[in-house]
Protein backbone atom coordinates (compact mmCIF):
# COMPACT_ATOMS: atom_id res chain seq x y z
CA MET A 1 101.06 130.90 120.21
CA PRO A 2 102.67 129.10 117.22
CA LYS A 3 100.50 127.09 114.67
CA LEU A 4 100.72 123.46 115.08
CA ASN A 5 101.78 121.71 111.97
CA LEU A 6 100.80 118.07 111.80
CA GLN A 7 103.15 117.32 108.86
CA LEU A 8 106.08 118.48 110.64
CA THR A 9 105.34 116.78 113.89
CA LEU A 10 104.77 113.46 111.97
CA HIS A 11 107.97 113.88 110.23
CA GLN A 12 109.87 114.44 113.37
CA LEU A 13 108.31 111.86 115.70
CA VAL A 14 106.78 109.02 113.75
CA TYR A 15 108.65 106.25 112.03
CA HIS A 16 107.49 106.55 108.51
CA GLU A 17 108.31 104.26 105.55
CA ASN A 18 106.92 106.42 102.76
CA GLU A 19 107.47 110.19 102.43
CA VAL A 20 104.32 110.28 100.21
CA TYR A 21 102.03 109.89 103.28
CA ILE A 22 103.61 112.83 105.09
CA SER A 23 103.39 114.83 101.85
CA LEU A 24 99.71 114.08 101.62
CA VAL A 25 99.23 115.14 105.21
CA LYS A 26 100.89 118.52 104.37
CA VAL A 27 98.74 118.92 101.27
CA ALA A 28 95.66 118.10 103.25
CA GLU A 29 96.50 120.66 105.90
CA GLU A 30 97.11 123.29 103.36
CA THR A 31 93.78 122.62 101.48
CA ASN A 32 91.82 121.87 104.72
CA GLN A 33 90.92 118.29 103.41
CA THR A 34 92.42 116.33 106.35
CA GLU A 35 89.27 114.17 106.77
CA TYR A 36 89.20 113.16 103.22
CA ILE A 37 93.02 112.38 103.04
CA PHE A 38 93.02 110.56 106.30
CA ARG A 39 90.10 108.42 105.09
CA LYS A 40 92.15 107.75 101.90
CA LEU A 41 95.34 106.86 103.87
CA ASN A 42 93.32 104.54 105.99
CA GLU A 43 92.17 102.61 103.01
CA GLN A 44 95.67 102.55 101.67
CA TYR A 45 97.07 101.19 105.03
CA VAL A 46 94.32 98.55 105.03
CA ILE A 47 95.09 97.40 101.62
CA GLU A 48 98.74 97.19 102.45
CA LEU A 49 98.20 95.29 105.57
CA GLN A 50 95.97 92.69 103.78
CA GLN A 51 98.66 92.22 101.03
CA LYS A 52 101.42 91.73 103.61
CA SER A 53 99.35 89.32 105.75
CA LYS A 54 98.42 87.43 102.64
CA MET A 55 102.09 87.26 101.66
CA LEU A 56 103.10 86.13 105.10
CA SER A 57 100.51 83.35 105.17
CA THR A 58 101.53 82.16 101.80
CA ILE A 59 105.06 82.02 102.81
CA MET A 60 104.32 80.37 106.24
CA GLU A 61 101.89 77.64 104.93
CA PRO A 62 104.60 75.40 103.46
CA VAL A 63 106.84 75.90 106.37
CA ILE A 64 104.15 74.79 108.76
CA ILE A 65 103.32 71.69 106.56
CA VAL A 66 107.07 70.68 106.67
CA LEU A 67 107.28 71.03 110.37
CA ILE A 68 104.02 69.06 110.98
CA GLY A 69 105.46 66.38 108.71
CA PHE A 70 108.65 66.24 110.59
CA PHE A 71 106.75 65.80 113.94
CA VAL A 72 104.69 63.10 112.43
CA GLY A 73 107.74 61.25 111.12
CA VAL A 74 109.43 61.52 114.58
CA ILE A 75 106.37 60.11 116.32
CA LEU A 76 106.08 57.14 113.67
CA VAL A 77 109.76 56.32 114.04
CA SER A 78 109.47 56.38 117.83
CA ILE A 79 106.58 54.02 117.64
CA TYR A 80 107.93 51.61 115.04
CA LEU A 81 111.62 51.43 116.13
CA PRO A 82 110.93 49.58 119.36
CA MET A 83 108.68 47.05 117.46
CA PHE A 84 111.48 46.47 114.96
CA ARG A 85 114.00 45.93 117.74
CA LEU A 86 111.72 43.62 119.48
CA SER A 87 111.15 41.59 116.52
CA SER A 88 114.95 41.23 115.82
CA VAL A 89 115.61 40.27 119.47
CA LEU A 90 112.79 37.66 119.40
CA GLY A 91 113.67 36.33 115.88
CA GLY A 92 117.35 36.28 116.07
């Protein structure tokens, strides 16, 4: 029975952004430190996820404010426009 190699399997099957992670898994298999390396990789992924979500929320916040301002403006115009038309009809 051939020995299963996690590093090769990850390299073949999983979409990977960074070759460093797969290299770390290879080293972990060779040194029998898989638990430690996976714990460190988990911490790294959590940090990256937090940074990306913070960046996304920082980018989306102004967009959401502009959209809400646009909808409030549309509502205000739709309320006041009939009143101005009515005043021009009655006054003129």
